[in-house]
Amino acid sequence: MLMMRLSKIGKKGEAKYRVVVTEKRSRRDGRPVEILGWYQKQEGNKEQKKVNMDRVKYWLSHGALPSPTVKKILEV
C-alpha cells in the first residue's frame, strides 16, 4: 500500500521535510517512489511549502493515502 508522508531532511534545529510517496511499511527516510515537494515550519505560525498538486491528485487517484500531517499541509 502506498502512502504520502514526510521524510526528514536538513540539519538539527532546522528541520525541513520532503513530501514523498512511499510504501507504508518502509522506513521514514527510506527510498521514496516519488518526491512531491517540500515543507518547512518556521518560528511562530509561519510555514513554507512547495508541493506539486498535479502529482498529489494523480497519486490520490491511484490509491495512495496521505498521513494525517500531510493531509493538514495539503488542506491549507
C-alpha atoms as a PDB file:
ATOM      1  CA  MET A   1       0.000   0.000   0.000  1.00  0.00           C
ATOM      2  CA  LEU A   2       1.320   3.444  -0.932  1.00  0.00           C
ATOM      3  CA  MET A   3       1.322   6.368   1.472  1.00  0.00           C
ATOM      4  CA  MET A   4       2.086  10.082   1.238  1.00  0.00           C
ATOM      5  CA  ARG A   5       4.159  11.159   4.214  1.00  0.00           C
ATOM      6  CA  LEU A   6       7.004  13.392   5.349  1.00  0.00           C
ATOM      7  CA  SER A   7      10.661  12.439   5.102  1.00  0.00           C
ATOM      8  CA  LYS A   8      13.048  14.482   7.243  1.00  0.00           C
ATOM      9  CA  ILE A   9      15.982  16.364   5.700  1.00  0.00           C
ATOM     10  CA  GLY A  10      18.038  19.314   6.910  1.00  0.00           C
ATOM     11  CA  LYS A  11      20.212  19.726   9.963  1.00  0.00           C
ATOM     12  CA  LYS A  12      19.441  19.593  13.665  1.00  0.00           C
ATOM     13  CA  GLY A  13      17.291  22.508  14.780  1.00  0.00           C
ATOM     14  CA  GLU A  14      16.458  23.458  11.195  1.00  0.00           C
ATOM     15  CA  ALA A  15      14.266  20.596  10.130  1.00  0.00           C
ATOM     16  CA  LYS A  16      12.901  20.521   6.615  1.00  0.00           C
ATOM     17  CA  TYR A  17      10.688  17.794   5.265  1.00  0.00           C
ATOM     18  CA  ARG A  18      10.042  16.283   1.854  1.00  0.00           C
ATOM     19  CA  VAL A  19       6.531  15.236   0.942  1.00  0.00           C
ATOM     20  CA  VAL A  20       7.022  11.782  -0.589  1.00  0.00           C
ATOM     21  CA  VAL A  21       5.069   8.780  -1.835  1.00  0.00           C
ATOM     22  CA  THR A  22       6.442   5.580  -0.335  1.00  0.00           C
ATOM     23  CA  GLU A  23       5.460   2.077   0.698  1.00  0.00           C
ATOM     24  CA  LYS A  24       3.620   2.116   4.016  1.00  0.00           C
ATOM     25  CA  ARG A  25       5.975  -0.379   5.671  1.00  0.00           C
ATOM     26  CA  SER A  26       9.236   1.297   4.616  1.00  0.00           C
ATOM     27  CA  ARG A  27      11.395   3.450   6.897  1.00  0.00           C
ATOM     28  CA  ARG A  28      10.690   7.170   7.338  1.00  0.00           C
ATOM     29  CA  ASP A  29      13.784   8.178   5.380  1.00  0.00           C
ATOM     30  CA  GLY A  30      13.832   5.136   3.093  1.00  0.00           C
ATOM     31  CA  ARG A  31      13.786   5.243  -0.676  1.00  0.00           C
ATOM     32  CA  PRO A  32      10.625   7.023  -1.925  1.00  0.00           C
ATOM     33  CA  VAL A  33       8.617   6.121  -5.000  1.00  0.00           C
ATOM     34  CA  GLU A  34       8.343   9.837  -5.858  1.00  0.00           C
ATOM     35  CA  ILE A  35       9.165  13.180  -4.228  1.00  0.00           C
ATOM     36  CA  LEU A  36       6.174  15.527  -4.425  1.00  0.00           C
ATOM     37  CA  GLY A  37       7.602  18.648  -2.790  1.00  0.00           C
ATOM     38  CA  TRP A  38       8.870  20.070   0.493  1.00  0.00           C
ATOM     39  CA  TYR A  39       7.600  21.665   3.711  1.00  0.00           C
ATOM     40  CA  GLN A  40       9.331  23.754   6.373  1.00  0.00           C
ATOM     41  CA  LYS A  41       7.832  25.093   9.594  1.00  0.00           C
ATOM     42  CA  GLN A  42       9.456  28.259  10.894  1.00  0.00           C
ATOM     43  CA  GLU A  43       9.252  30.215  14.137  1.00  0.00           C
ATOM     44  CA  GLY A  44       5.752  31.199  15.158  1.00  0.00           C
ATOM     45  CA  ASN A  45       2.983  30.049  12.856  1.00  0.00           C
ATOM     46  CA  LYS A  46       4.894  30.724   9.635  1.00  0.00           C
ATOM     47  CA  GLU A  47       5.493  27.886   7.231  1.00  0.00           C
ATOM     48  CA  GLN A  48       6.863  27.463   3.740  1.00  0.00           C
ATOM     49  CA  LYS A  49       5.860  24.759   1.334  1.00  0.00           C
ATOM     50  CA  LYS A  50       6.042  23.821  -2.295  1.00  0.00           C
ATOM     51  CA  VAL A  51       4.057  20.804  -3.432  1.00  0.00           C
ATOM     52  CA  ASN A  52       3.234  19.624  -6.957  1.00  0.00           C
ATOM     53  CA  MET A  53      -0.558  19.363  -6.635  1.00  0.00           C
ATOM     54  CA  ASP A  54      -0.966  17.685 -10.043  1.00  0.00           C
ATOM     55  CA  ARG A  55       1.136  14.734  -8.859  1.00  0.00           C
ATOM     56  CA  VAL A  56      -0.682  14.690  -5.499  1.00  0.00           C
ATOM     57  CA  LYS A  57      -4.003  14.328  -7.337  1.00  0.00           C
ATOM     58  CA  TYR A  58      -2.501  11.599  -9.522  1.00  0.00           C
ATOM     59  CA  TRP A  59      -1.338   9.534  -6.525  1.00  0.00           C
ATOM     60  CA  LEU A  60      -4.612  10.063  -4.658  1.00  0.00           C
ATOM     61  CA  SER A  61      -6.482   8.745  -7.692  1.00  0.00           C
ATOM     62  CA  HIS A  62      -4.213   5.673  -7.708  1.00  0.00           C
ATOM     63  CA  GLY A  63      -4.944   4.822  -4.076  1.00  0.00           C
ATOM     64  CA  ALA A  64      -2.130   6.470  -2.112  1.00  0.00           C
ATOM     65  CA  LEU A  65      -3.273   7.540   1.355  1.00  0.00           C
ATOM     66  CA  PRO A  66      -1.952  10.767   2.945  1.00  0.00           C
ATOM     67  CA  SER A  67      -0.721  10.675   6.533  1.00  0.00           C
ATOM     68  CA  PRO A  68      -2.624  12.955   8.953  1.00  0.00           C
ATOM     69  CA  THR A  69       0.188  15.524   8.876  1.00  0.00           C
ATOM     70  CA  VAL A  70       0.359  15.587   5.078  1.00  0.00           C
ATOM     71  CA  LYS A  71      -3.419  15.901   4.945  1.00  0.00           C
ATOM     72  CA  LYS A  72      -3.210  19.078   7.084  1.00  0.00           C
ATOM     73  CA  ILE A  73      -0.419  20.512   4.931  1.00  0.00           C
ATOM     74  CA  LEU A  74      -2.354  19.943   1.710  1.00  0.00           C
ATOM     75  CA  GLU A  75      -5.590  21.480   3.030  1.00  0.00           C
ATOM     76  CA  VAL A  76      -4.023  24.823   3.958  1.00  0.00           C
END
